[in-house]
Amino acid sequence: MTCREPTGIPRRLIPVKAFVAGLALLLTCGLPFSPSVALASPPAMVGQSAQSGPTLGATVGLEGFVAPGRPSSVAAVIASPVLVSGRVRVRGGGISVSRPVEVPAGGEQVYELGVPPLEANTRLTVELLDAEGDIVASETIVVRSSFDEMAVGVVGDETLVTTLGRVRTMVTDRPVAPLRVPPSAPAASFEVVDYLILSTGGAERLEAAGGWARRGGRLV
């Protein structure tokens, strides 16, 4: 029997049946066989990727708004598929504060860092540092000012946030910046808004909102 290399099939696209037939021919004829050809690595699956490292998200005040002349807090949200032990640091605008952090594998933690009064448009860099002090993740946030926008907090019905986002005030012509006030937000977060709207679903914050209004806040 005369043994010949299979022909007629492009080398770059060989159907499975043709590949098996060609392999059998090579073995039958006693030709050299290279495992690297027959046992090629399977192609990578689409969508598969190496496990990512820690992720960091950060906010200051209430969606970037802070109370003028008052201390604020930066919330750093750290999630990681592996154990993280190090520090989270906030710097910028002449300040630098940090605190230790530890996030278990597959966990998520929120860390609050107090900062002194901040000027509008101050850029803050929030960094996650490992045990050696190397930066493994960072996020930049910018302080917003109620001088440029009218900050309106919404407690309860979140559909109002979308509606108010299309409004400008008739008196100052400032765009309205509607801010969702989470149920877990401390009463101190009310201090950053010009007005607070207590709508359907926000009854549990009535007492806190009423106390804020009695101290001079504007409650709708």
N, C-alpha and C. Protein backbone atom coordinates (compact mmCIF):
# COMPACT_ATOMS: atom_id res chain seq x y z
N MET A 1 0.86 -1.20 0.00
CA MET A 1 0.00 0.00 0.00
C MET A 1 0.88 1.24 0.00
N THR A 2 0.56 2.16 -0.84
CA THR A 2 1.32 3.40 -0.92
C THR A 2 0.74 4.41 0.05
N CYS A 3 1.60 4.96 0.93
CA CYS A 3 1.14 5.92 1.93
C CYS A 3 1.43 7.32 1.47
N ARG A 4 0.41 8.12 1.43
CA ARG A 4 0.56 9.52 1.04
C ARG A 4 -0.10 10.42 2.08
N GLU A 5 0.43 11.60 2.15
CA GLU A 5 -0.17 12.59 3.06
C GLU A 5 -1.53 12.99 2.52
N PRO A 6 -2.57 13.06 3.37
CA PRO A 6 -3.90 13.48 2.90
C PRO A 6 -3.83 14.83 2.21
N THR A 7 -4.51 14.95 1.09
CA THR A 7 -4.50 16.20 0.33
C THR A 7 -5.91 16.68 0.10
N GLY A 8 -6.00 17.90 -0.38
CA GLY A 8 -7.31 18.42 -0.74
C GLY A 8 -8.03 19.13 0.39
N ILE A 9 -7.40 19.16 1.55
CA ILE A 9 -8.04 19.82 2.71
C ILE A 9 -7.13 20.94 3.18
N PRO A 10 -7.62 22.16 3.27
CA PRO A 10 -6.77 23.26 3.75
C PRO A 10 -6.19 22.92 5.11
N ARG A 11 -4.90 23.24 5.31
CA ARG A 11 -4.25 22.94 6.57
C ARG A 11 -4.85 23.71 7.74
N ARG A 12 -5.40 24.86 7.52
CA ARG A 12 -5.85 25.72 8.61
C ARG A 12 -7.26 25.38 9.05
N LEU A 13 -7.98 24.52 8.30
CA LEU A 13 -9.35 24.17 8.66
C LEU A 13 -9.61 22.73 8.27
N ILE A 14 -9.30 21.78 9.16
CA ILE A 14 -9.45 20.36 8.89
C ILE A 14 -10.64 19.83 9.66
N PRO A 15 -11.69 19.32 9.00
CA PRO A 15 -12.84 18.76 9.70
C PRO A 15 -12.40 17.61 10.59
N VAL A 16 -13.21 17.32 11.61
CA VAL A 16 -12.86 16.28 12.58
C VAL A 16 -12.67 14.94 11.89
N LYS A 17 -13.62 14.54 11.01
CA LYS A 17 -13.52 13.24 10.35
C LYS A 17 -12.25 13.12 9.52
N ALA A 18 -11.92 14.19 8.81
CA ALA A 18 -10.71 14.17 7.99
C ALA A 18 -9.47 14.07 8.87
N PHE A 19 -9.49 14.75 10.01
CA PHE A 19 -8.35 14.72 10.94
C PHE A 19 -8.13 13.31 11.46
N VAL A 20 -9.24 12.63 11.87
CA VAL A 20 -9.14 11.26 12.38
C VAL A 20 -8.64 10.31 11.29
N ALA A 21 -9.16 10.47 10.06
CA ALA A 21 -8.74 9.61 8.96
C ALA A 21 -7.26 9.80 8.65
N GLY A 22 -6.82 11.04 8.67
CA GLY A 22 -5.41 11.32 8.41
C GLY A 22 -4.52 10.75 9.49
N LEU A 23 -4.96 10.84 10.76
CA LEU A 23 -4.19 10.31 11.87
C LEU A 23 -4.07 8.79 11.75
N ALA A 24 -5.18 8.11 11.37
CA ALA A 24 -5.15 6.65 11.19
C ALA A 24 -4.18 6.26 10.08
N LEU A 25 -4.15 7.04 9.01
CA LEU A 25 -3.24 6.76 7.90
C LEU A 25 -1.80 6.86 8.33
N LEU A 26 -1.49 7.88 9.13
CA LEU A 26 -0.12 8.05 9.62
C LEU A 26 0.30 6.87 10.46
N LEU A 27 -0.60 6.41 11.35
CA LEU A 27 -0.27 5.29 12.22
C LEU A 27 -0.12 4.00 11.43
N THR A 28 -1.00 3.79 10.43
CA THR A 28 -0.96 2.57 9.62
C THR A 28 0.33 2.48 8.83
N CYS A 29 0.78 3.61 8.35
CA CYS A 29 1.99 3.63 7.52
C CYS A 29 3.25 3.67 8.35
N GLY A 30 3.11 3.80 9.66
CA GLY A 30 4.29 3.82 10.51
C GLY A 30 5.07 5.10 10.42
N LEU A 31 4.41 6.18 10.00
CA LEU A 31 5.09 7.46 9.88
C LEU A 31 5.25 8.09 11.25
N PRO A 32 6.25 8.97 11.40
CA PRO A 32 6.45 9.62 12.70
C PRO A 32 5.18 10.34 13.14
N PHE A 33 4.88 10.23 14.42
CA PHE A 33 3.65 10.85 14.96
C PHE A 33 4.03 11.80 16.08
N SER A 34 3.61 13.04 15.98
CA SER A 34 3.94 14.04 16.99
C SER A 34 2.73 14.30 17.87
N PRO A 35 2.82 13.98 19.19
CA PRO A 35 1.67 14.23 20.08
C PRO A 35 1.25 15.68 20.09
N SER A 36 2.20 16.59 19.81
CA SER A 36 1.86 18.01 19.86
C SER A 36 0.87 18.38 18.77
N VAL A 37 0.79 17.56 17.72
CA VAL A 37 -0.16 17.83 16.64
C VAL A 37 -1.52 17.28 16.99
N ALA A 38 -1.55 16.01 17.44
CA ALA A 38 -2.83 15.36 17.70
C ALA A 38 -3.47 15.83 18.99
N LEU A 39 -2.64 16.15 19.99
CA LEU A 39 -3.18 16.53 21.30
C LEU A 39 -3.06 18.02 21.51
N ALA A 40 -3.54 18.79 20.56
CA ALA A 40 -3.48 20.25 20.67
C ALA A 40 -4.36 20.72 21.82
N SER A 41 -3.95 21.80 22.45
CA SER A 41 -4.72 22.35 23.56
C SER A 41 -6.06 22.85 23.06
N PRO A 42 -7.15 22.60 23.79
CA PRO A 42 -8.46 23.10 23.36
C PRO A 42 -8.50 24.60 23.41
N PRO A 43 -9.25 25.24 22.51
CA PRO A 43 -9.33 26.70 22.51
C PRO A 43 -9.96 27.21 23.79
N ALA A 44 -9.56 28.42 24.18
CA ALA A 44 -10.12 29.02 25.38
C ALA A 44 -11.60 29.29 25.18
N MET A 45 -12.38 29.07 26.21
CA MET A 45 -13.81 29.33 26.12
C MET A 45 -14.07 30.82 26.17
N VAL A 46 -14.97 31.30 25.33
CA VAL A 46 -15.32 32.71 25.32
C VAL A 46 -15.97 33.07 26.65
N GLY A 47 -15.50 34.18 27.26
CA GLY A 47 -16.08 34.62 28.52
C GLY A 47 -15.29 34.17 29.73
N GLN A 48 -14.34 33.18 29.55
CA GLN A 48 -13.53 32.76 30.66
C GLN A 48 -12.39 33.73 30.83
N SER A 49 -12.05 34.05 32.07
CA SER A 49 -10.95 34.95 32.35
C SER A 49 -10.38 34.59 33.70
N ALA A 50 -9.15 35.03 33.93
CA ALA A 50 -8.53 34.78 35.22
C ALA A 50 -9.30 35.51 36.32
N GLN A 51 -9.26 34.95 37.49
CA GLN A 51 -9.98 35.55 38.61
C GLN A 51 -9.41 36.93 38.89
N SER A 52 -10.26 37.92 38.97
CA SER A 52 -9.80 39.28 39.17
C SER A 52 -9.43 39.52 40.62
N GLY A 53 -8.71 40.61 40.84
CA GLY A 53 -8.30 40.96 42.19
C GLY A 53 -9.33 41.84 42.87
N PRO A 54 -8.93 42.52 43.95
CA PRO A 54 -9.86 43.37 44.69
C PRO A 54 -10.39 44.51 43.84
N THR A 55 -11.61 44.92 44.12
CA THR A 55 -12.20 46.09 43.47
C THR A 55 -12.53 47.12 44.53
N LEU A 56 -12.50 48.38 44.14
CA LEU A 56 -12.71 49.48 45.07
C LEU A 56 -13.68 50.49 44.48
N GLY A 57 -14.68 50.86 45.27
CA GLY A 57 -15.59 51.92 44.89
C GLY A 57 -15.63 52.93 46.03
N ALA A 58 -15.86 54.19 45.72
CA ALA A 58 -15.82 55.21 46.76
C ALA A 58 -16.79 56.34 46.49
N THR A 59 -17.34 56.91 47.55
CA THR A 59 -18.20 58.09 47.47
C THR A 59 -17.86 59.01 48.63
N VAL A 60 -18.15 60.28 48.46
CA VAL A 60 -17.96 61.24 49.54
C VAL A 60 -19.29 61.95 49.78
N GLY A 61 -19.62 62.16 51.06
CA GLY A 61 -20.88 62.82 51.39
C GLY A 61 -22.07 62.03 50.86
N LEU A 62 -23.00 62.75 50.27
CA LEU A 62 -24.19 62.13 49.67
C LEU A 62 -24.09 62.31 48.17
N GLU A 63 -23.64 61.25 47.48
CA GLU A 63 -23.42 61.28 46.03
C GLU A 63 -22.51 62.43 45.61
N GLY A 64 -21.51 62.70 46.41
CA GLY A 64 -20.53 63.72 46.07
C GLY A 64 -20.78 65.08 46.71
N PHE A 65 -21.98 65.33 47.20
CA PHE A 65 -22.29 66.61 47.85
C PHE A 65 -21.89 66.55 49.33
N VAL A 66 -21.28 67.64 49.80
CA VAL A 66 -20.89 67.74 51.20
C VAL A 66 -21.46 69.04 51.77
N ALA A 67 -21.64 69.07 53.09
CA ALA A 67 -22.13 70.29 53.74
C ALA A 67 -21.00 71.31 53.82
N PRO A 68 -21.22 72.52 53.32
CA PRO A 68 -20.16 73.53 53.33
C PRO A 68 -19.66 73.80 54.75
N GLY A 69 -18.33 73.80 54.89
CA GLY A 69 -17.72 74.14 56.17
C GLY A 69 -17.82 73.08 57.24
N ARG A 70 -18.29 71.89 56.88
CA ARG A 70 -18.45 70.83 57.88
C ARG A 70 -17.64 69.60 57.48
N PRO A 71 -17.18 68.84 58.48
CA PRO A 71 -16.48 67.59 58.15
C PRO A 71 -17.38 66.64 57.38
N SER A 72 -16.77 65.79 56.58
CA SER A 72 -17.52 64.83 55.78
C SER A 72 -16.93 63.44 55.99
N SER A 73 -17.51 62.49 55.31
CA SER A 73 -16.96 61.14 55.38
C SER A 73 -16.88 60.55 53.98
N VAL A 74 -15.86 59.75 53.77
CA VAL A 74 -15.67 59.02 52.52
C VAL A 74 -15.97 57.55 52.79
N ALA A 75 -16.84 56.97 51.98
CA ALA A 75 -17.17 55.55 52.11
C ALA A 75 -16.42 54.78 51.03
N ALA A 76 -15.60 53.84 51.47
CA ALA A 76 -14.85 52.98 50.54
C ALA A 76 -15.46 51.58 50.58
N VAL A 77 -15.89 51.09 49.42
CA VAL A 77 -16.49 49.76 49.32
C VAL A 77 -15.46 48.84 48.66
N ILE A 78 -15.03 47.83 49.40
CA ILE A 78 -13.99 46.92 48.92
C ILE A 78 -14.57 45.52 48.79
N ALA A 79 -14.43 44.93 47.62
CA ALA A 79 -14.85 43.55 47.38
C ALA A 79 -13.66 42.79 46.81
N SER A 80 -13.52 41.52 47.21
CA SER A 80 -12.36 40.77 46.75
C SER A 80 -12.63 39.28 46.75
N PRO A 81 -12.13 38.57 45.71
CA PRO A 81 -12.27 37.11 45.69
C PRO A 81 -11.25 36.42 46.59
N VAL A 82 -10.24 37.18 47.05
CA VAL A 82 -9.20 36.64 47.93
C VAL A 82 -9.10 37.50 49.18
N LEU A 83 -8.46 36.98 50.21
CA LEU A 83 -8.29 37.72 51.44
C LEU A 83 -7.48 38.99 51.19
N VAL A 84 -7.96 40.12 51.71
CA VAL A 84 -7.25 41.39 51.60
C VAL A 84 -6.99 41.92 53.00
N SER A 85 -5.75 42.22 53.28
CA SER A 85 -5.38 42.81 54.57
C SER A 85 -4.40 43.94 54.29
N GLY A 86 -4.76 45.16 54.64
CA GLY A 86 -3.91 46.30 54.36
C GLY A 86 -4.51 47.57 54.91
N ARG A 87 -4.52 48.62 54.10
CA ARG A 87 -5.08 49.90 54.52
C ARG A 87 -5.82 50.54 53.35
N VAL A 88 -6.77 51.41 53.68
CA VAL A 88 -7.40 52.25 52.68
C VAL A 88 -7.04 53.68 53.01
N ARG A 89 -6.66 54.44 51.99
CA ARG A 89 -6.15 55.80 52.20
C ARG A 89 -6.90 56.78 51.32
N VAL A 90 -7.16 57.96 51.89
CA VAL A 90 -7.78 59.06 51.14
C VAL A 90 -6.81 60.22 51.16
N ARG A 91 -6.50 60.75 49.98
CA ARG A 91 -5.61 61.90 49.92
C ARG A 91 -6.06 62.85 48.81
N GLY A 92 -5.65 64.11 48.99
CA GLY A 92 -6.04 65.15 48.04
C GLY A 92 -6.56 66.36 48.77
N GLY A 93 -6.47 67.52 48.17
CA GLY A 93 -6.94 68.74 48.81
C GLY A 93 -6.20 69.05 50.10
N GLY A 94 -4.93 68.61 50.17
CA GLY A 94 -4.13 68.90 51.36
C GLY A 94 -4.38 67.96 52.53
N ILE A 95 -5.12 66.87 52.32
CA ILE A 95 -5.38 65.94 53.41
C ILE A 95 -4.87 64.55 53.05
N SER A 96 -4.63 63.75 54.06
CA SER A 96 -4.24 62.36 53.88
C SER A 96 -4.64 61.60 55.14
N VAL A 97 -5.62 60.72 55.00
CA VAL A 97 -6.09 59.92 56.13
C VAL A 97 -6.16 58.47 55.67
N SER A 98 -5.99 57.55 56.63
CA SER A 98 -6.05 56.14 56.28
C SER A 98 -6.53 55.33 57.48
N ARG A 99 -6.89 54.08 57.24
CA ARG A 99 -7.30 53.17 58.29
C ARG A 99 -7.05 51.74 57.83
N PRO A 100 -6.83 50.82 58.76
CA PRO A 100 -6.62 49.43 58.37
C PRO A 100 -7.90 48.79 57.87
N VAL A 101 -7.75 47.83 56.97
CA VAL A 101 -8.90 47.10 56.42
C VAL A 101 -8.56 45.62 56.35
N GLU A 102 -9.60 44.81 56.39
CA GLU A 102 -9.45 43.38 56.17
C GLU A 102 -10.75 42.86 55.58
N VAL A 103 -10.65 42.29 54.39
CA VAL A 103 -11.81 41.76 53.69
C VAL A 103 -11.60 40.27 53.46
N PRO A 104 -12.51 39.42 53.95
CA PRO A 104 -12.34 37.98 53.74
C PRO A 104 -12.52 37.60 52.28
N ALA A 105 -11.99 36.45 51.91
CA ALA A 105 -12.12 35.96 50.53
C ALA A 105 -13.59 35.84 50.15
N GLY A 106 -13.94 36.43 49.02
CA GLY A 106 -15.32 36.40 48.55
C GLY A 106 -16.23 37.37 49.28
N GLY A 107 -15.67 38.27 50.06
CA GLY A 107 -16.49 39.19 50.86
C GLY A 107 -16.49 40.61 50.33
N GLU A 108 -17.28 41.45 50.98
CA GLU A 108 -17.37 42.88 50.66
C GLU A 108 -17.54 43.65 51.96
N GLN A 109 -16.77 44.72 52.10
CA GLN A 109 -16.82 45.53 53.32
C GLN A 109 -16.89 47.01 52.94
N VAL A 110 -17.56 47.78 53.81
CA VAL A 110 -17.63 49.23 53.63
C VAL A 110 -16.88 49.89 54.78
N TYR A 111 -15.95 50.78 54.47
CA TYR A 111 -15.17 51.47 55.47
C TYR A 111 -15.38 52.97 55.35
N GLU A 112 -15.66 53.62 56.48
CA GLU A 112 -15.87 55.06 56.50
C GLU A 112 -14.60 55.76 57.00
N LEU A 113 -14.22 56.83 56.32
CA LEU A 113 -13.07 57.63 56.74
C LEU A 113 -13.51 59.08 56.87
N GLY A 114 -13.35 59.64 58.03
CA GLY A 114 -13.71 61.04 58.25
C GLY A 114 -12.68 61.98 57.63
N VAL A 115 -13.15 63.05 57.00
CA VAL A 115 -12.26 64.05 56.40
C VAL A 115 -12.71 65.43 56.83
N PRO A 116 -11.78 66.39 56.90
CA PRO A 116 -12.12 67.76 57.28
C PRO A 116 -12.97 68.44 56.21
N PRO A 117 -13.48 69.65 56.49
CA PRO A 117 -14.29 70.36 55.49
C PRO A 117 -13.59 70.43 54.14
N LEU A 118 -14.35 70.23 53.07
CA LEU A 118 -13.80 70.19 51.73
C LEU A 118 -14.37 71.29 50.86
N GLU A 119 -13.54 71.83 50.00
CA GLU A 119 -13.99 72.83 49.04
C GLU A 119 -14.62 72.14 47.83
N ALA A 120 -15.51 72.87 47.15
CA ALA A 120 -16.12 72.33 45.94
C ALA A 120 -15.05 72.03 44.90
N ASN A 121 -15.27 70.96 44.13
CA ASN A 121 -14.38 70.53 43.05
C ASN A 121 -13.06 69.95 43.53
N THR A 122 -12.93 69.71 44.83
CA THR A 122 -11.73 69.05 45.33
C THR A 122 -11.71 67.61 44.81
N ARG A 123 -10.56 67.20 44.31
CA ARG A 123 -10.39 65.83 43.81
C ARG A 123 -9.73 64.99 44.90
N LEU A 124 -10.37 63.91 45.25
CA LEU A 124 -9.83 63.00 46.25
C LEU A 124 -9.49 61.67 45.59
N THR A 125 -8.35 61.12 45.96
CA THR A 125 -7.95 59.80 45.47
C THR A 125 -8.05 58.81 46.62
N VAL A 126 -8.86 57.78 46.42
CA VAL A 126 -9.03 56.74 47.43
C VAL A 126 -8.23 55.53 46.95
N GLU A 127 -7.35 55.02 47.82
CA GLU A 127 -6.44 53.95 47.42
C GLU A 127 -6.53 52.77 48.38
N LEU A 128 -6.48 51.58 47.84
CA LEU A 128 -6.39 50.36 48.63
C LEU A 128 -4.94 49.90 48.59
N LEU A 129 -4.34 49.78 49.77
CA LEU A 129 -2.93 49.39 49.88
C LEU A 129 -2.83 47.99 50.47
N ASP A 130 -1.89 47.20 49.95
CA ASP A 130 -1.68 45.88 50.53
C ASP A 130 -0.78 45.98 51.75
N ALA A 131 -0.41 44.85 52.32
CA ALA A 131 0.37 44.84 53.56
C ALA A 131 1.75 45.48 53.38
N GLU A 132 2.26 45.49 52.14
CA GLU A 132 3.57 46.11 51.88
C GLU A 132 3.45 47.59 51.53
N GLY A 133 2.23 48.11 51.47
CA GLY A 133 2.04 49.51 51.15
C GLY A 133 1.90 49.80 49.67
N ASP A 134 1.83 48.76 48.84
CA ASP A 134 1.66 48.95 47.40
C ASP A 134 0.19 49.17 47.07
N ILE A 135 -0.08 50.02 46.08
CA ILE A 135 -1.45 50.32 45.67
C ILE A 135 -1.96 49.18 44.80
N VAL A 136 -3.09 48.58 45.19
CA VAL A 136 -3.68 47.49 44.41
C VAL A 136 -4.96 47.92 43.71
N ALA A 137 -5.56 49.04 44.16
CA ALA A 137 -6.76 49.57 43.51
C ALA A 137 -6.92 51.02 43.92
N SER A 138 -7.50 51.83 43.06
CA SER A 138 -7.70 53.25 43.38
C SER A 138 -8.94 53.78 42.68
N GLU A 139 -9.48 54.85 43.23
CA GLU A 139 -10.68 55.49 42.68
C GLU A 139 -10.57 56.99 42.95
N THR A 140 -10.96 57.80 41.97
CA THR A 140 -10.94 59.26 42.13
C THR A 140 -12.36 59.78 42.21
N ILE A 141 -12.62 60.62 43.19
CA ILE A 141 -13.94 61.22 43.36
C ILE A 141 -13.79 62.74 43.45
N VAL A 142 -14.83 63.45 43.05
CA VAL A 142 -14.80 64.91 43.02
C VAL A 142 -15.94 65.45 43.89
N VAL A 143 -15.60 66.41 44.74
CA VAL A 143 -16.60 67.02 45.62
C VAL A 143 -17.49 67.94 44.80
N ARG A 144 -18.82 67.81 44.97
CA ARG A 144 -19.78 68.66 44.27
C ARG A 144 -20.25 69.78 45.19
N SER A 145 -20.73 70.86 44.58
CA SER A 145 -21.13 72.04 45.35
C SER A 145 -22.59 72.39 45.10
N SER A 146 -23.30 72.74 46.16
CA SER A 146 -24.69 73.17 46.01
C SER A 146 -24.77 74.62 45.51
N PHE A 147 -23.61 75.29 45.35
CA PHE A 147 -23.62 76.63 44.76
C PHE A 147 -23.90 76.54 43.27
N ASP A 148 -23.42 75.46 42.65
CA ASP A 148 -23.62 75.27 41.21
C ASP A 148 -24.90 74.49 40.91
N GLU A 149 -25.31 73.64 41.83
CA GLU A 149 -26.50 72.81 41.66
C GLU A 149 -27.33 72.85 42.93
N MET A 150 -28.63 72.75 42.78
CA MET A 150 -29.49 72.68 43.96
C MET A 150 -29.66 71.22 44.34
N ALA A 151 -29.13 70.85 45.49
CA ALA A 151 -29.19 69.46 45.94
C ALA A 151 -30.53 69.21 46.64
N VAL A 152 -31.27 68.25 46.11
CA VAL A 152 -32.57 67.89 46.67
C VAL A 152 -32.54 66.41 47.04
N GLY A 153 -32.65 66.12 48.33
CA GLY A 153 -32.66 64.74 48.77
C GLY A 153 -34.04 64.14 48.65
N VAL A 154 -34.12 62.89 48.23
CA VAL A 154 -35.40 62.19 48.08
C VAL A 154 -35.39 60.97 48.99
N VAL A 155 -36.35 60.94 49.91
CA VAL A 155 -36.52 59.79 50.79
C VAL A 155 -37.81 59.09 50.39
N GLY A 156 -37.72 57.83 50.00
CA GLY A 156 -38.93 57.11 49.60
C GLY A 156 -38.98 56.84 48.11
N ASP A 157 -39.97 57.41 47.43
CA ASP A 157 -40.25 57.12 46.02
C ASP A 157 -39.07 57.53 45.13
N GLU A 158 -38.37 56.52 44.59
CA GLU A 158 -37.18 56.80 43.79
C GLU A 158 -37.51 57.33 42.39
N THR A 159 -38.76 57.21 41.94
CA THR A 159 -39.11 57.73 40.62
C THR A 159 -38.98 59.25 40.59
N LEU A 160 -39.08 59.88 41.77
CA LEU A 160 -38.93 61.34 41.83
C LEU A 160 -37.52 61.78 41.46
N VAL A 161 -36.55 60.90 41.68
CA VAL A 161 -35.17 61.24 41.34
C VAL A 161 -35.04 61.50 39.85
N THR A 162 -35.65 60.64 39.04
CA THR A 162 -35.61 60.81 37.59
C THR A 162 -36.37 62.06 37.16
N THR A 163 -37.54 62.28 37.75
CA THR A 163 -38.36 63.45 37.39
C THR A 163 -37.64 64.76 37.72
N LEU A 164 -37.08 64.84 38.91
CA LEU A 164 -36.42 66.07 39.33
C LEU A 164 -35.15 66.35 38.55
N GLY A 165 -34.56 65.32 37.97
CA GLY A 165 -33.34 65.51 37.20
C GLY A 165 -33.54 66.33 35.95
N ARG A 166 -34.81 66.55 35.54
CA ARG A 166 -35.09 67.34 34.34
C ARG A 166 -35.56 68.76 34.66
N VAL A 167 -35.37 69.16 35.92
CA VAL A 167 -35.90 70.45 36.38
C VAL A 167 -34.78 71.44 36.65
N ARG A 168 -35.08 72.72 36.42
CA ARG A 168 -34.20 73.82 36.82
C ARG A 168 -35.01 74.74 37.72
N THR A 169 -34.36 75.34 38.71
CA THR A 169 -35.08 76.24 39.60
C THR A 169 -35.39 77.55 38.89
N MET A 170 -36.57 78.10 39.15
CA MET A 170 -36.98 79.35 38.49
C MET A 170 -36.31 80.56 39.11
N VAL A 171 -35.90 80.47 40.36
CA VAL A 171 -35.33 81.63 41.05
C VAL A 171 -33.86 81.82 40.70
N THR A 172 -33.08 80.76 40.83
CA THR A 172 -31.63 80.88 40.61
C THR A 172 -31.17 80.29 39.29
N ASP A 173 -32.06 79.60 38.58
CA ASP A 173 -31.72 78.94 37.32
C ASP A 173 -30.65 77.87 37.49
N ARG A 174 -30.49 77.39 38.70
CA ARG A 174 -29.55 76.30 38.93
C ARG A 174 -30.20 74.97 38.56
N PRO A 175 -29.44 74.05 37.96
CA PRO A 175 -30.01 72.72 37.71
C PRO A 175 -30.22 72.00 39.04
N VAL A 176 -31.27 71.21 39.09
CA VAL A 176 -31.57 70.46 40.30
C VAL A 176 -30.80 69.14 40.27
N ALA A 177 -30.12 68.85 41.36
CA ALA A 177 -29.40 67.58 41.49
C ALA A 177 -30.15 66.71 42.49
N PRO A 178 -31.02 65.82 42.00
CA PRO A 178 -31.77 64.95 42.91
C PRO A 178 -30.87 63.85 43.47
N LEU A 179 -30.95 63.64 44.76
CA LEU A 179 -30.11 62.66 45.42
C LEU A 179 -30.97 61.65 46.16
N ARG A 180 -30.79 60.40 45.84
CA ARG A 180 -31.50 59.35 46.58
C ARG A 180 -30.86 59.20 47.95
N VAL A 181 -31.68 59.30 48.99
CA VAL A 181 -31.18 59.12 50.36
C VAL A 181 -31.49 57.68 50.77
N PRO A 182 -30.48 56.81 50.88
CA PRO A 182 -30.73 55.41 51.23
C PRO A 182 -31.36 55.29 52.61
N PRO A 183 -32.15 54.26 52.85
CA PRO A 183 -32.76 54.08 54.17
C PRO A 183 -31.73 53.98 55.29
N SER A 184 -30.54 53.50 54.96
CA SER A 184 -29.51 53.34 55.98
C SER A 184 -28.67 54.59 56.20
N ALA A 185 -28.91 55.64 55.40
CA ALA A 185 -28.10 56.85 55.52
C ALA A 185 -28.35 57.53 56.86
N PRO A 186 -27.29 57.98 57.54
CA PRO A 186 -27.48 58.66 58.82
C PRO A 186 -28.18 60.00 58.64
N ALA A 187 -28.82 60.47 59.70
CA ALA A 187 -29.53 61.75 59.63
C ALA A 187 -28.59 62.89 59.27
N ALA A 188 -27.29 62.73 59.57
CA ALA A 188 -26.33 63.78 59.25
C ALA A 188 -26.22 64.01 57.75
N SER A 189 -26.60 63.01 56.95
CA SER A 189 -26.52 63.17 55.49
C SER A 189 -27.53 64.20 54.99
N PHE A 190 -28.57 64.50 55.77
CA PHE A 190 -29.54 65.51 55.36
C PHE A 190 -28.89 66.89 55.27
N GLU A 191 -27.81 67.09 56.00
CA GLU A 191 -27.17 68.40 56.06
C GLU A 191 -26.61 68.85 54.72
N VAL A 192 -26.42 67.94 53.78
CA VAL A 192 -25.78 68.32 52.53
C VAL A 192 -26.79 68.80 51.49
N VAL A 193 -28.09 68.68 51.75
CA VAL A 193 -29.08 69.05 50.75
C VAL A 193 -29.71 70.40 51.04
N ASP A 194 -30.20 71.04 49.97
CA ASP A 194 -30.93 72.30 50.13
C ASP A 194 -32.36 72.04 50.55
N TYR A 195 -32.96 70.99 50.00
CA TYR A 195 -34.33 70.58 50.33
C TYR A 195 -34.35 69.07 50.51
N LEU A 196 -35.29 68.61 51.32
CA LEU A 196 -35.48 67.18 51.51
C LEU A 196 -36.94 66.85 51.23
N ILE A 197 -37.17 65.91 50.32
CA ILE A 197 -38.53 65.48 49.98
C ILE A 197 -38.79 64.14 50.66
N LEU A 198 -39.81 64.12 51.49
CA LEU A 198 -40.21 62.89 52.15
C LEU A 198 -41.44 62.37 51.43
N SER A 199 -41.29 61.31 50.64
CA SER A 199 -42.38 60.83 49.79
C SER A 199 -42.87 59.47 50.26
N THR A 200 -43.75 58.88 49.45
CA THR A 200 -44.31 57.57 49.76
C THR A 200 -43.20 56.55 49.95
N GLY A 201 -43.28 55.82 51.04
CA GLY A 201 -42.27 54.81 51.33
C GLY A 201 -41.17 55.31 52.24
N GLY A 202 -41.24 56.57 52.64
CA GLY A 202 -40.18 57.12 53.50
C GLY A 202 -40.64 57.40 54.92
N ALA A 203 -41.74 56.76 55.33
CA ALA A 203 -42.30 57.04 56.65
C ALA A 203 -41.34 56.73 57.78
N GLU A 204 -40.45 55.74 57.57
CA GLU A 204 -39.55 55.36 58.65
C GLU A 204 -38.52 56.44 58.96
N ARG A 205 -38.35 57.40 58.04
CA ARG A 205 -37.41 58.51 58.27
C ARG A 205 -38.10 59.78 58.71
N LEU A 206 -39.40 59.70 59.01
CA LEU A 206 -40.18 60.90 59.34
C LEU A 206 -39.61 61.61 60.56
N GLU A 207 -39.30 60.86 61.60
CA GLU A 207 -38.80 61.48 62.82
C GLU A 207 -37.47 62.18 62.59
N ALA A 208 -36.56 61.49 61.89
CA ALA A 208 -35.25 62.09 61.62
C ALA A 208 -35.38 63.32 60.73
N ALA A 209 -36.26 63.23 59.71
CA ALA A 209 -36.46 64.37 58.82
C ALA A 209 -37.10 65.54 59.56
N GLY A 210 -38.04 65.24 60.47
CA GLY A 210 -38.67 66.31 61.26
C GLY A 210 -37.66 67.00 62.15
N GLY A 211 -36.76 66.24 62.77
CA GLY A 211 -35.71 66.85 63.60
C GLY A 211 -34.81 67.74 62.79
N TRP A 212 -34.48 67.32 61.58
CA TRP A 212 -33.65 68.14 60.69
C TRP A 212 -34.37 69.42 60.33
N ALA A 213 -35.67 69.33 60.05
CA ALA A 213 -36.44 70.52 59.71
C ALA A 213 -36.51 71.50 60.87
N ARG A 214 -36.64 70.97 62.09
CA ARG A 214 -36.70 71.87 63.26
C ARG A 214 -35.39 72.58 63.49
N ARG A 215 -34.31 72.06 62.98
CA ARG A 215 -32.99 72.70 63.11
C ARG A 215 -32.73 73.65 61.96
N GLY A 216 -33.73 73.88 61.11
CA GLY A 216 -33.57 74.83 60.02
C GLY A 216 -33.59 74.25 58.63
N GLY A 217 -33.73 72.93 58.54
CA GLY A 217 -33.80 72.30 57.23
C GLY A 217 -35.12 72.56 56.53
N ARG A 218 -35.11 72.43 55.23
CA ARG A 218 -36.33 72.67 54.44
C ARG A 218 -36.88 71.36 53.96
N LEU A 219 -38.03 70.98 54.55
CA LEU A 219 -38.64 69.70 54.30
C LEU A 219 -39.89 69.87 53.44
N VAL A 220 -40.01 69.05 52.39
CA VAL A 220 -41.17 69.10 51.49
C VAL A 220 -42.01 67.85 51.70
